[in-house]
PDB file of N, CA and C in Angstrom:
ATOM      1  N   UNK A   1     163.584 162.506 -22.024  1.00  0.00           N
ATOM      2  CA  UNK A   1     164.936 161.982 -21.920  1.00  0.00           C
ATOM      3  C   UNK A   1     165.116 161.314 -20.559  1.00  0.00           C
ATOM      4  N   UNK A   2     165.574 160.090 -20.548  1.00  0.00           N
ATOM      5  CA  UNK A   2     165.787 159.361 -19.302  1.00  0.00           C
ATOM      6  C   UNK A   2     167.039 159.864 -18.592  1.00  0.00           C
ATOM      7  N   UNK A   3     166.939 159.953 -17.286  1.00  0.00           N
ATOM      8  CA  UNK A   3     168.105 160.337 -16.513  1.00  0.00           C
ATOM      9  C   UNK A   3     168.994 159.120 -16.264  1.00  0.00           C
ATOM     10  N   UNK A   4     170.240 159.408 -16.008  1.00  0.00           N
ATOM     11  CA  UNK A   4     171.199 158.382 -15.648  1.00  0.00           C
ATOM     12  C   UNK A   4     171.604 158.632 -14.210  1.00  0.00           C
ATOM     13  N   UNK A   5     171.457 157.604 -13.368  1.00  0.00           N
ATOM     14  CA  UNK A   5     171.844 157.698 -11.968  1.00  0.00           C
ATOM     15  C   UNK A   5     172.987 156.725 -11.740  1.00  0.00           C
ATOM     16  N   UNK A   6     174.027 157.202 -11.075  1.00  0.00           N
ATOM     17  CA  UNK A   6     175.182 156.356 -10.755  1.00  0.00           C
ATOM     18  C   UNK A   6     175.260 156.202  -9.248  1.00  0.00           C
ATOM     19  N   UNK A   7     175.257 154.957  -8.782  1.00  0.00           N
ATOM     20  CA  UNK A   7     175.310 154.655  -7.356  1.00  0.00           C
ATOM     21  C   UNK A   7     176.728 154.217  -7.010  1.00  0.00           C
ATOM     22  N   UNK A   8     177.295 154.843  -5.995  1.00  0.00           N
ATOM     23  CA  UNK A   8     178.639 154.555  -5.499  1.00  0.00           C
ATOM     24  C   UNK A   8     179.694 154.598  -6.606  1.00  0.00           C
ATOM     25  N   UNK A   9     179.781 155.738  -7.321  1.00  0.00           N
ATOM     26  CA  UNK A   9     180.828 155.847  -8.342  1.00  0.00           C
ATOM     27  C   UNK A   9     182.196 156.111  -7.706  1.00  0.00           C
ATOM     28  N   UNK A  10     183.239 155.675  -8.390  1.00  0.00           N
ATOM     29  CA  UNK A  10     184.602 156.051  -8.020  1.00  0.00           C
ATOM     30  C   UNK A  10     185.342 156.402  -9.302  1.00  0.00           C
ATOM     31  N   UNK A  11     186.635 156.523  -9.238  1.00  0.00           N
ATOM     32  CA  UNK A  11     187.397 156.946 -10.423  1.00  0.00           C
ATOM     33  C   UNK A  11     187.376 155.917 -11.553  1.00  0.00           C
ATOM     34  N   UNK A  12     187.042 154.667 -11.244  1.00  0.00           N
ATOM     35  CA  UNK A  12     187.105 153.611 -12.252  1.00  0.00           C
ATOM     36  C   UNK A  12     185.739 153.126 -12.721  1.00  0.00           C
ATOM     37  N   UNK A  13     184.777 153.059 -11.788  1.00  0.00           N
ATOM     38  CA  UNK A  13     183.481 152.480 -12.145  1.00  0.00           C
ATOM     39  C   UNK A  13     182.423 152.921 -11.153  1.00  0.00           C
ATOM     40  N   UNK A  14     181.178 152.690 -11.515  1.00  0.00           N
ATOM     41  CA  UNK A  14     180.054 152.867 -10.594  1.00  0.00           C
ATOM     42  C   UNK A  14     179.619 151.487 -10.132  1.00  0.00           C
ATOM     43  N   UNK A  15     179.146 151.400  -8.907  1.00  0.00           N
ATOM     44  CA  UNK A  15     178.664 150.099  -8.421  1.00  0.00           C
ATOM     45  C   UNK A  15     177.406 149.697  -9.184  1.00  0.00           C
ATOM     46  N   UNK A  16     176.542 150.685  -9.468  1.00  0.00           N
ATOM     47  CA  UNK A  16     175.310 150.456 -10.218  1.00  0.00           C
ATOM     48  C   UNK A  16     175.046 151.697 -11.070  1.00  0.00           C
ATOM     49  N   UNK A  17     174.597 151.489 -12.301  1.00  0.00           N
ATOM     50  CA  UNK A  17     174.126 152.583 -13.151  1.00  0.00           C
ATOM     51  C   UNK A  17     172.675 152.283 -13.486  1.00  0.00           C
ATOM     52  N   UNK A  18     171.830 153.305 -13.326  1.00  0.00           N
ATOM     53  CA  UNK A  18     170.409 153.172 -13.660  1.00  0.00           C
ATOM     54  C   UNK A  18     170.106 154.143 -14.786  1.00  0.00           C
ATOM     55  N   UNK A  19     169.530 153.633 -15.849  1.00  0.00           N
ATOM     56  CA  UNK A  19     169.101 154.465 -16.973  1.00  0.00           C
ATOM     57  C   UNK A  19     167.629 154.174 -17.205  1.00  0.00           C
ATOM     58  N   UNK A  20     166.800 155.167 -16.949  1.00  0.00           N
ATOM     59  CA  UNK A  20     165.364 154.934 -17.035  1.00  0.00           C
ATOM     60  C   UNK A  20     164.970 153.903 -15.998  1.00  0.00           C
ATOM     61  N   UNK A  21     164.358 152.830 -16.450  1.00  0.00           N
ATOM     62  CA  UNK A  21     163.964 151.752 -15.540  1.00  0.00           C
ATOM     63  C   UNK A  21     164.848 150.516 -15.692  1.00  0.00           C
ATOM     64  N   UNK A  22     166.055 150.686 -16.255  1.00  0.00           N
ATOM     65  CA  UNK A  22     166.969 149.566 -16.429  1.00  0.00           C
ATOM     66  C   UNK A  22     168.169 149.753 -15.509  1.00  0.00           C
ATOM     67  N   UNK A  23     168.545 148.675 -14.827  1.00  0.00           N
ATOM     68  CA  UNK A  23     169.618 148.679 -13.840  1.00  0.00           C
ATOM     69  C   UNK A  23     170.791 147.877 -14.393  1.00  0.00           C
ATOM     70  N   UNK A  24     171.968 148.494 -14.343  1.00  0.00           N
ATOM     71  CA  UNK A  24     173.201 147.869 -14.819  1.00  0.00           C
ATOM     72  C   UNK A  24     174.211 147.828 -13.668  1.00  0.00           C
ATOM     73  N   UNK A  25     174.194 146.778 -12.856  1.00  0.00           N
ATOM     74  CA  UNK A  25     175.213 146.684 -11.801  1.00  0.00           C
ATOM     75  C   UNK A  25     176.571 146.282 -12.383  1.00  0.00           C
ATOM     76  N   UNK A  26     177.632 146.652 -11.680  1.00  0.00           N
ATOM     77  CA  UNK A  26     178.953 146.130 -12.016  1.00  0.00           C
ATOM     78  C   UNK A  26     178.930 144.618 -11.789  1.00  0.00           C
ATOM     79  N   UNK A  27     179.863 143.918 -12.377  1.00  0.00           N
ATOM     80  CA  UNK A  27     179.972 142.484 -12.138  1.00  0.00           C
ATOM     81  C   UNK A  27     180.176 142.211 -10.656  1.00  0.00           C
ATOM     82  N   UNK A  28     179.560 141.150 -10.173  1.00  0.00           N
ATOM     83  CA  UNK A  28     179.612 140.823  -8.752  1.00  0.00           C
ATOM     84  C   UNK A  28     180.449 139.573  -8.513  1.00  0.00           C
ATOM     85  N   UNK A  29     181.327 139.680  -7.523  1.00  0.00           N
ATOM     86  CA  UNK A  29     182.119 138.547  -7.049  1.00  0.00           C
ATOM     87  C   UNK A  29     181.847 138.398  -5.556  1.00  0.00           C
ATOM     88  N   UNK A  30     182.262 137.288  -5.000  1.00  0.00           N
ATOM     89  CA  UNK A  30     182.072 137.065  -3.564  1.00  0.00           C
ATOM     90  C   UNK A  30     182.994 137.989  -2.776  1.00  0.00           C
ATOM     91  N   UNK A  31     182.494 138.515  -1.671  1.00  0.00           N
ATOM     92  CA  UNK A  31     183.323 139.333  -0.785  1.00  0.00           C
ATOM     93  C   UNK A  31     184.377 138.471  -0.101  1.00  0.00           C
ATOM     94  N   UNK A  32     184.015 137.242   0.218  1.00  0.00           N
ATOM     95  CA  UNK A  32     184.932 136.291   0.854  1.00  0.00           C
ATOM     96  C   UNK A  32     185.276 135.226  -0.177  1.00  0.00           C
ATOM     97  N   UNK A  33     186.500 135.245  -0.651  1.00  0.00           N
ATOM     98  CA  UNK A  33     186.905 134.325  -1.712  1.00  0.00           C
ATOM     99  C   UNK A  33     187.706 133.128  -1.184  1.00  0.00           C
ATOM    100  N   UNK A  34     187.612 132.878   0.105  1.00  0.00           N
ATOM    101  CA  UNK A  34     188.340 131.745   0.686  1.00  0.00           C
ATOM    102  C   UNK A  34     187.620 130.418   0.489  1.00  0.00           C
ATOM    103  N   UNK A  35     186.372 130.445   0.091  1.00  0.00           N
ATOM    104  CA  UNK A  35     185.596 129.210  -0.021  1.00  0.00           C
ATOM    105  C   UNK A  35     185.589 128.616  -1.413  1.00  0.00           C
ATOM    106  N   UNK A  36     184.867 127.512  -1.536  1.00  0.00           N
ATOM    107  CA  UNK A  36     184.717 126.814  -2.804  1.00  0.00           C
ATOM    108  C   UNK A  36     183.670 127.507  -3.677  1.00  0.00           C
ATOM    109  N   UNK A  37     183.325 126.895  -4.794  1.00  0.00           N
ATOM    110  CA  UNK A  37     182.384 127.504  -5.730  1.00  0.00           C
ATOM    111  C   UNK A  37     181.005 127.709  -5.109  1.00  0.00           C
ATOM    112  N   UNK A  38     180.564 126.810  -4.253  1.00  0.00           N
ATOM    113  CA  UNK A  38     179.272 126.979  -3.587  1.00  0.00           C
ATOM    114  C   UNK A  38     179.302 128.235  -2.720  1.00  0.00           C
ATOM    115  N   UNK A  39     180.339 128.376  -1.931  1.00  0.00           N
ATOM    116  CA  UNK A  39     180.491 129.535  -1.049  1.00  0.00           C
ATOM    117  C   UNK A  39     180.574 130.829  -1.866  1.00  0.00           C
ATOM    118  N   UNK A  40     181.394 130.829  -2.910  1.00  0.00           N
ATOM    119  CA  UNK A  40     181.557 132.046  -3.707  1.00  0.00           C
ATOM    120  C   UNK A  40     180.298 132.390  -4.499  1.00  0.00           C
ATOM    121  N   UNK A  41     179.581 131.396  -4.988  1.00  0.00           N
ATOM    122  CA  UNK A  41     178.328 131.670  -5.702  1.00  0.00           C
ATOM    123  C   UNK A  41     177.316 132.304  -4.760  1.00  0.00           C
ATOM    124  N   UNK A  42     177.192 131.768  -3.558  1.00  0.00           N
ATOM    125  CA  UNK A  42     176.286 132.371  -2.569  1.00  0.00           C
ATOM    126  C   UNK A  42     176.683 133.802  -2.275  1.00  0.00           C
ATOM    127  N   UNK A  43     177.973 134.072  -2.190  1.00  0.00           N
ATOM    128  CA  UNK A  43     178.445 135.435  -1.961  1.00  0.00           C
ATOM    129  C   UNK A  43     178.103 136.367  -3.105  1.00  0.00           C
ATOM    130  N   UNK A  44     178.285 135.913  -4.342  1.00  0.00           N
ATOM    131  CA  UNK A  44     177.909 136.720  -5.518  1.00  0.00           C
ATOM    132  C   UNK A  44     176.430 137.052  -5.491  1.00  0.00           C
ATOM    133  N   UNK A  45     175.617 136.048  -5.219  1.00  0.00           N
ATOM    134  CA  UNK A  45     174.163 136.239  -5.244  1.00  0.00           C
ATOM    135  C   UNK A  45     173.711 137.156  -4.111  1.00  0.00           C
ATOM    136  N   UNK A  46     174.347 137.076  -2.958  1.00  0.00           N
ATOM    137  CA  UNK A  46     174.033 138.002  -1.866  1.00  0.00           C
ATOM    138  C   UNK A  46     174.378 139.434  -2.277  1.00  0.00           C
ATOM    139  N   UNK A  47     175.496 139.610  -2.971  1.00  0.00           N
ATOM    140  CA  UNK A  47     175.860 140.943  -3.451  1.00  0.00           C
ATOM    141  C   UNK A  47     174.878 141.435  -4.505  1.00  0.00           C
ATOM    142  N   UNK A  48     174.393 140.543  -5.352  1.00  0.00           N
ATOM    143  CA  UNK A  48     173.384 140.933  -6.339  1.00  0.00           C
ATOM    144  C   UNK A  48     172.102 141.371  -5.640  1.00  0.00           C
ATOM    145  N   UNK A  49     171.662 140.622  -4.641  1.00  0.00           N
ATOM    146  CA  UNK A  49     170.487 141.044  -3.862  1.00  0.00           C
ATOM    147  C   UNK A  49     170.697 142.453  -3.297  1.00  0.00           C
ATOM    148  N   UNK A  50     171.900 142.711  -2.791  1.00  0.00           N
ATOM    149  CA  UNK A  50     172.202 144.011  -2.181  1.00  0.00           C
ATOM    150  C   UNK A  50     172.162 145.144  -3.218  1.00  0.00           C
ATOM    151  N   UNK A  51     172.826 144.961  -4.355  1.00  0.00           N
ATOM    152  CA  UNK A  51     172.847 146.049  -5.337  1.00  0.00           C
ATOM    153  C   UNK A  51     171.469 146.265  -5.965  1.00  0.00           C
ATOM    154  N   UNK A  52     170.698 145.210  -6.120  1.00  0.00           N
ATOM    155  CA  UNK A  52     169.339 145.385  -6.627  1.00  0.00           C
ATOM    156  C   UNK A  52     168.486 146.175  -5.630  1.00  0.00           C
ATOM    157  N   UNK A  53     168.644 145.895  -4.353  1.00  0.00           N
ATOM    158  CA  UNK A  53     167.911 146.657  -3.327  1.00  0.00           C
ATOM    159  C   UNK A  53     168.337 148.128  -3.357  1.00  0.00           C
ATOM    160  N   UNK A  54     169.631 148.400  -3.534  1.00  0.00           N
ATOM    161  CA  UNK A  54     170.102 149.789  -3.643  1.00  0.00           C
ATOM    162  C   UNK A  54     169.400 150.521  -4.787  1.00  0.00           C
ATOM    163  N   UNK A  55     169.118 149.786  -5.853  1.00  0.00           N
ATOM    164  CA  UNK A  55     168.505 150.369  -7.042  1.00  0.00           C
ATOM    165  C   UNK A  55     166.981 150.289  -7.031  1.00  0.00           C
ATOM    166  N   UNK A  56     166.387 149.753  -5.962  1.00  0.00           N
ATOM    167  CA  UNK A  56     164.934 149.666  -5.872  1.00  0.00           C
ATOM    168  C   UNK A  56     164.343 148.505  -6.636  1.00  0.00           C
ATOM    169  N   UNK A  57     165.052 147.390  -6.684  1.00  0.00           N
ATOM    170  CA  UNK A  57     164.579 146.230  -7.438  1.00  0.00           C
ATOM    171  C   UNK A  57     164.852 144.958  -6.645  1.00  0.00           C
ATOM    172  N   UNK A  58     164.616 143.815  -7.295  1.00  0.00           N
ATOM    173  CA  UNK A  58     164.901 142.522  -6.676  1.00  0.00           C
ATOM    174  C   UNK A  58     165.132 141.485  -7.775  1.00  0.00           C
ATOM    175  N   UNK A  59     165.500 140.272  -7.366  1.00  0.00           N
ATOM    176  CA  UNK A  59     165.885 139.232  -8.328  1.00  0.00           C
ATOM    177  C   UNK A  59     164.772 138.818  -9.278  1.00  0.00           C
ATOM    178  N   UNK A  60     163.521 139.084  -8.934  1.00  0.00           N
ATOM    179  CA  UNK A  60     162.424 138.728  -9.834  1.00  0.00           C
ATOM    180  C   UNK A  60     162.414 139.604 -11.090  1.00  0.00           C
ATOM    181  N   UNK A  61     163.182 140.683 -11.066  1.00  0.00           N
ATOM    182  CA  UNK A  61     163.219 141.614 -12.199  1.00  0.00           C
ATOM    183  C   UNK A  61     164.519 141.529 -12.997  1.00  0.00           C
ATOM    184  N   UNK A  62     165.325 140.488 -12.750  1.00  0.00           N
ATOM    185  CA  UNK A  62     166.547 140.309 -13.537  1.00  0.00           C
ATOM    186  C   UNK A  62     166.151 139.926 -14.966  1.00  0.00           C
ATOM    187  N   UNK A  63     166.687 140.664 -15.919  1.00  0.00           N
ATOM    188  CA  UNK A  63     166.394 140.418 -17.330  1.00  0.00           C
ATOM    189  C   UNK A  63     167.387 139.444 -17.940  1.00  0.00           C
ATOM    190  N   UNK A  64     168.672 139.624 -17.613  1.00  0.00           N
ATOM    191  CA  UNK A  64     169.692 138.730 -18.153  1.00  0.00           C
ATOM    192  C   UNK A  64     170.821 138.577 -17.147  1.00  0.00           C
ATOM    193  N   UNK A  65     171.504 137.456 -17.256  1.00  0.00           N
ATOM    194  CA  UNK A  65     172.649 137.171 -16.397  1.00  0.00           C
ATOM    195  C   UNK A  65     173.740 136.523 -17.240  1.00  0.00           C
ATOM    196  N   UNK A  66     174.955 136.978 -17.029  1.00  0.00           N
ATOM    197  CA  UNK A  66     176.127 136.352 -17.632  1.00  0.00           C
ATOM    198  C   UNK A  66     176.988 135.858 -16.480  1.00  0.00           C
ATOM    199  N   UNK A  67     177.276 134.578 -16.476  1.00  0.00           N
ATOM    200  CA  UNK A  67     178.054 133.966 -15.409  1.00  0.00           C
ATOM    201  C   UNK A  67     179.396 133.529 -15.983  1.00  0.00           C
ATOM    202  N   UNK A  68     180.458 134.003 -15.349  1.00  0.00           N
ATOM    203  CA  UNK A  68     181.802 133.612 -15.743  1.00  0.00           C
ATOM    204  C   UNK A  68     182.385 132.710 -14.664  1.00  0.00           C
ATOM    205  N   UNK A  69     182.801 131.526 -15.038  1.00  0.00           N
ATOM    206  CA  UNK A  69     183.443 130.583 -14.133  1.00  0.00           C
ATOM    207  C   UNK A  69     184.910 130.450 -14.499  1.00  0.00           C
ATOM    208  N   UNK A  70     185.757 130.354 -13.485  1.00  0.00           N
ATOM    209  CA  UNK A  70     187.178 130.109 -13.744  1.00  0.00           C
ATOM    210  C   UNK A  70     187.378 128.711 -14.319  1.00  0.00           C
ATOM    211  N   UNK A  71     186.507 127.773 -13.915  1.00  0.00           N
ATOM    212  CA  UNK A  71     186.657 126.381 -14.342  1.00  0.00           C
ATOM    213  C   UNK A  71     185.263 125.783 -14.527  1.00  0.00           C
ATOM    214  N   UNK A  72     184.958 125.316 -15.726  1.00  0.00           N
ATOM    215  CA  UNK A  72     183.629 124.777 -16.016  1.00  0.00           C
ATOM    216  C   UNK A  72     183.316 123.500 -15.237  1.00  0.00           C
ATOM    217  N   UNK A  73     184.303 122.889 -14.589  1.00  0.00           N
ATOM    218  CA  UNK A  73     183.981 121.735 -13.749  1.00  0.00           C
ATOM    219  C   UNK A  73     183.130 122.160 -12.553  1.00  0.00           C
ATOM    220  N   UNK A  74     183.047 123.473 -12.292  1.00  0.00           N
ATOM    221  CA  UNK A  74     182.210 123.999 -11.212  1.00  0.00           C
ATOM    222  C   UNK A  74     180.774 124.294 -11.656  1.00  0.00           C
ATOM    223  N   UNK A  75     180.457 124.026 -12.911  1.00  0.00           N
ATOM    224  CA  UNK A  75     179.145 124.366 -13.464  1.00  0.00           C
ATOM    225  C   UNK A  75     177.993 123.742 -12.679  1.00  0.00           C
ATOM    226  N   UNK A  76     178.083 122.462 -12.381  1.00  0.00           N
ATOM    227  CA  UNK A  76     176.995 121.775 -11.679  1.00  0.00           C
ATOM    228  C   UNK A  76     176.787 122.351 -10.269  1.00  0.00           C
ATOM    229  N   UNK A  77     177.858 122.518  -9.528  1.00  0.00           N
ATOM    230  CA  UNK A  77     177.741 123.049  -8.162  1.00  0.00           C
ATOM    231  C   UNK A  77     177.220 124.488  -8.170  1.00  0.00           C
ATOM    232  N   UNK A  78     177.678 125.295  -9.130  1.00  0.00           N
ATOM    233  CA  UNK A  78     177.174 126.668  -9.253  1.00  0.00           C
ATOM    234  C   UNK A  78     175.681 126.646  -9.540  1.00  0.00           C
ATOM    235  N   UNK A  79     175.252 125.770 -10.463  1.00  0.00           N
ATOM    236  CA  UNK A  79     173.830 125.696 -10.812  1.00  0.00           C
ATOM    237  C   UNK A  79     172.955 125.287  -9.631  1.00  0.00           C
ATOM    238  N   UNK A  80     173.454 124.438  -8.758  1.00  0.00           N
ATOM    239  CA  UNK A  80     172.674 124.048  -7.581  1.00  0.00           C
ATOM    240  C   UNK A  80     172.368 125.264  -6.713  1.00  0.00           C
ATOM    241  N   UNK A  81     173.346 126.139  -6.527  1.00  0.00           N
ATOM    242  CA  UNK A  81     173.129 127.364  -5.737  1.00  0.00           C
ATOM    243  C   UNK A  81     172.222 128.317  -6.507  1.00  0.00           C
ATOM    244  N   UNK A  82     172.498 128.501  -7.784  1.00  0.00           N
ATOM    245  CA  UNK A  82     171.698 129.400  -8.622  1.00  0.00           C
ATOM    246  C   UNK A  82     170.236 128.980  -8.624  1.00  0.00           C
ATOM    247  N   UNK A  83     169.982 127.684  -8.836  1.00  0.00           N
ATOM    248  CA  UNK A  83     168.610 127.180  -8.924  1.00  0.00           C
ATOM    249  C   UNK A  83     167.841 127.373  -7.618  1.00  0.00           C
ATOM    250  N   UNK A  84     168.523 127.283  -6.496  1.00  0.00           N
ATOM    251  CA  UNK A  84     167.871 127.503  -5.199  1.00  0.00           C
ATOM    252  C   UNK A  84     167.593 128.974  -4.943  1.00  0.00           C
ATOM    253  N   UNK A  85     168.348 129.867  -5.598  1.00  0.00           N
ATOM    254  CA  UNK A  85     168.233 131.315  -5.367  1.00  0.00           C
ATOM    255  C   UNK A  85     167.266 132.007  -6.333  1.00  0.00           C
ATOM    256  N   UNK A  86     167.315 131.646  -7.585  1.00  0.00           N
ATOM    257  CA  UNK A  86     166.585 132.390  -8.616  1.00  0.00           C
ATOM    258  C   UNK A  86     165.075 132.271  -8.429  1.00  0.00           C
ATOM    259  N   UNK A  87     164.349 133.313  -8.799  1.00  0.00           N
ATOM    260  CA  UNK A  87     162.886 133.297  -8.752  1.00  0.00           C
ATOM    261  C   UNK A  87     162.397 132.381  -9.879  1.00  0.00           C
ATOM    262  N   UNK A  88     161.838 131.211  -9.546  1.00  0.00           N
ATOM    263  CA  UNK A  88     161.463 130.250 -10.592  1.00  0.00           C
ATOM    264  C   UNK A  88     160.346 130.751 -11.506  1.00  0.00           C
ATOM    265  N   UNK A  89     159.587 131.724 -11.046  1.00  0.00           N
ATOM    266  CA  UNK A  89     158.514 132.282 -11.873  1.00  0.00           C
ATOM    267  C   UNK A  89     159.039 133.321 -12.869  1.00  0.00           C
ATOM    268  N   UNK A  90     160.248 133.815 -12.637  1.00  0.00           N
ATOM    269  CA  UNK A  90     160.807 134.892 -13.465  1.00  0.00           C
ATOM    270  C   UNK A  90     162.276 134.641 -13.791  1.00  0.00           C
ATOM    271  N   UNK A  91     162.595 133.516 -14.427  1.00  0.00           N
ATOM    272  CA  UNK A  91     164.005 133.263 -14.732  1.00  0.00           C
ATOM    273  C   UNK A  91     164.508 134.209 -15.828  1.00  0.00           C
ATOM    274  N   UNK A  92     165.731 134.709 -15.675  1.00  0.00           N
ATOM    275  CA  UNK A  92     166.276 135.605 -16.699  1.00  0.00           C
ATOM    276  C   UNK A  92     166.851 134.828 -17.877  1.00  0.00           C
ATOM    277  N   UNK A  93     167.128 135.536 -18.959  1.00  0.00           N
ATOM    278  CA  UNK A  93     167.978 134.975 -20.008  1.00  0.00           C
ATOM    279  C   UNK A  93     169.349 134.806 -19.361  1.00  0.00           C
ATOM    280  N   UNK A  94     170.073 133.753 -19.722  1.00  0.00           N
ATOM    281  CA  UNK A  94     171.331 133.492 -19.026  1.00  0.00           C
ATOM    282  C   UNK A  94     172.345 132.848 -19.950  1.00  0.00           C
ATOM    283  N   UNK A  95     173.597 133.224 -19.762  1.00  0.00           N
ATOM    284  CA  UNK A  95     174.698 132.548 -20.435  1.00  0.00           C
ATOM    285  C   UNK A  95     175.780 132.285 -19.408  1.00  0.00           C
ATOM    286  N   UNK A  96     176.631 131.318 -19.716  1.00  0.00           N
ATOM    287  CA  UNK A  96     177.694 130.944 -18.789  1.00  0.00           C
ATOM    288  C   UNK A  96     178.900 130.502 -19.599  1.00  0.00           C
ATOM    289  N   UNK A  97     180.072 130.936 -19.176  1.00  0.00           N
ATOM    290  CA  UNK A  97     181.285 130.535 -19.868  1.00  0.00           C
ATOM    291  C   UNK A  97     182.463 130.464 -18.927  1.00  0.00           C
ATOM    292  N   UNK A  98     183.551 129.965 -19.446  1.00  0.00           N
ATOM    293  CA  UNK A  98     184.782 129.829 -18.679  1.00  0.00           C
ATOM    294  C   UNK A  98     185.747 130.926 -19.127  1.00  0.00           C
ATOM    295  N   UNK A  99     186.305 131.651 -18.144  1.00  0.00           N
ATOM    296  CA  UNK A  99     187.256 132.723 -18.438  1.00  0.00           C
ATOM    297  C   UNK A  99     188.347 132.762 -17.369  1.00  0.00           C
ATOM    298  N   UNK A 100     189.409 133.449 -17.685  1.00  0.00           N
ATOM    299  CA  UNK A 100     190.424 133.759 -16.684  1.00  0.00           C
ATOM    300  C   UNK A 100     189.942 135.032 -15.990  1.00  0.00           C
ATOM    301  N   UNK A 101     189.612 134.937 -14.707  1.00  0.00           N
ATOM    302  CA  UNK A 101     189.066 136.070 -13.963  1.00  0.00           C
ATOM    303  C   UNK A 101     190.188 137.000 -13.497  1.00  0.00           C
ATOM    304  N   UNK A 102     189.809 138.177 -13.007  1.00  0.00           N
ATOM    305  CA  UNK A 102     190.760 139.239 -12.690  1.00  0.00           C
ATOM    306  C   UNK A 102     191.774 138.876 -11.611  1.00  0.00           C
ATOM    307  N   UNK A 103     191.381 137.991 -10.692  1.00  0.00           N
ATOM    308  CA  UNK A 103     192.289 137.572  -9.612  1.00  0.00           C
ATOM    309  C   UNK A 103     192.262 136.056  -9.504  1.00  0.00           C
ATOM    310  N   UNK A 104     193.363 135.441  -9.094  1.00  0.00           N
ATOM    311  CA  UNK A 104     193.398 133.973  -9.027  1.00  0.00           C
ATOM    312  C   UNK A 104     192.504 133.368  -7.952  1.00  0.00           C
ATOM    313  N   UNK A 105     192.089 134.154  -6.948  1.00  0.00           N
ATOM    314  CA  UNK A 105     191.218 133.614  -5.894  1.00  0.00           C
ATOM    315  C   UNK A 105     189.744 133.612  -6.296  1.00  0.00           C
ATOM    316  N   UNK A 106     189.409 134.259  -7.389  1.00  0.00           N
ATOM    317  CA  UNK A 106     188.015 134.324  -7.840  1.00  0.00           C
ATOM    318  C   UNK A 106     187.660 133.072  -8.635  1.00  0.00           C
ATOM    319  N   UNK A 107     186.538 132.457  -8.269  1.00  0.00           N
ATOM    320  CA  UNK A 107     186.045 131.290  -8.990  1.00  0.00           C
ATOM    321  C   UNK A 107     184.859 131.627  -9.881  1.00  0.00           C
ATOM    322  N   UNK A 108     184.196 132.779  -9.606  1.00  0.00           N
ATOM    323  CA  UNK A 108     182.971 133.134 -10.325  1.00  0.00           C
ATOM    324  C   UNK A 108     182.772 134.642 -10.302  1.00  0.00           C
ATOM    325  N   UNK A 109     182.212 135.150 -11.366  1.00  0.00           N
ATOM    326  CA  UNK A 109     181.716 136.530 -11.440  1.00  0.00           C
ATOM    327  C   UNK A 109     180.388 136.486 -12.180  1.00  0.00           C
ATOM    328  N   UNK A 110     179.415 137.246 -11.667  1.00  0.00           N
ATOM    329  CA  UNK A 110     178.092 137.281 -12.283  1.00  0.00           C
ATOM    330  C   UNK A 110     177.764 138.723 -12.656  1.00  0.00           C
ATOM    331  N   UNK A 111     177.327 138.903 -13.877  1.00  0.00           N
ATOM    332  CA  UNK A 111     176.942 140.211 -14.403  1.00  0.00           C
ATOM    333  C   UNK A 111     175.467 140.129 -14.764  1.00  0.00           C
ATOM    334  N   UNK A 112     174.680 141.071 -14.262  1.00  0.00           N
ATOM    335  CA  UNK A 112     173.251 141.060 -14.567  1.00  0.00           C
ATOM    336  C   UNK A 112     172.809 142.399 -15.134  1.00  0.00           C
ATOM    337  N   UNK A 113     171.652 142.377 -15.746  1.00  0.00           N
ATOM    338  CA  UNK A 113     170.883 143.570 -16.118  1.00  0.00           C
ATOM    339  C   UNK A 113     169.481 143.313 -15.590  1.00  0.00           C
ATOM    340  N   UNK A 114     168.890 144.334 -14.969  1.00  0.00           N
ATOM    341  CA  UNK A 114     167.573 144.154 -14.355  1.00  0.00           C
ATOM    342  C   UNK A 114     166.690 145.372 -14.609  1.00  0.00           C
ATOM    343  N   UNK A 115     165.413 145.190 -14.402  1.00  0.00           N
ATOM    344  CA  UNK A 115     164.443 146.274 -14.474  1.00  0.00           C
ATOM    345  C   UNK A 115     164.133 146.747 -13.047  1.00  0.00           C
ATOM    346  N   UNK A 116     163.685 147.988 -12.956  1.00  0.00           N
ATOM    347  CA  UNK A 116     163.262 148.489 -11.642  1.00  0.00           C
ATOM    348  C   UNK A 116     161.829 148.138 -11.400  1.00  0.00           C
TER     349      UNK A 116
END
């Protein structure tokens, strides 16, 4: 039976849940939401690097990514940052859509699943 490990849990959510060798981080947004989509995408990806390191993994082990944009007109600029960041030898399955995010200052949220 695989154990379940919860990293930085609070009353509402865990920052990361690990089940066996699969890592389920909470959705990541930029810590600083004052910038444009390029700035916020870089912030999301930096947070993903951080939570993967907490779980003993890295971006080369991302299995899937779901990207939510507040406005699809930001798709091209987001992809420029994503393409420069992602491990080109190990690209994950990925989807992207437009949604109303939890706060009006958020332009992007990224949800991933990764292996350890």
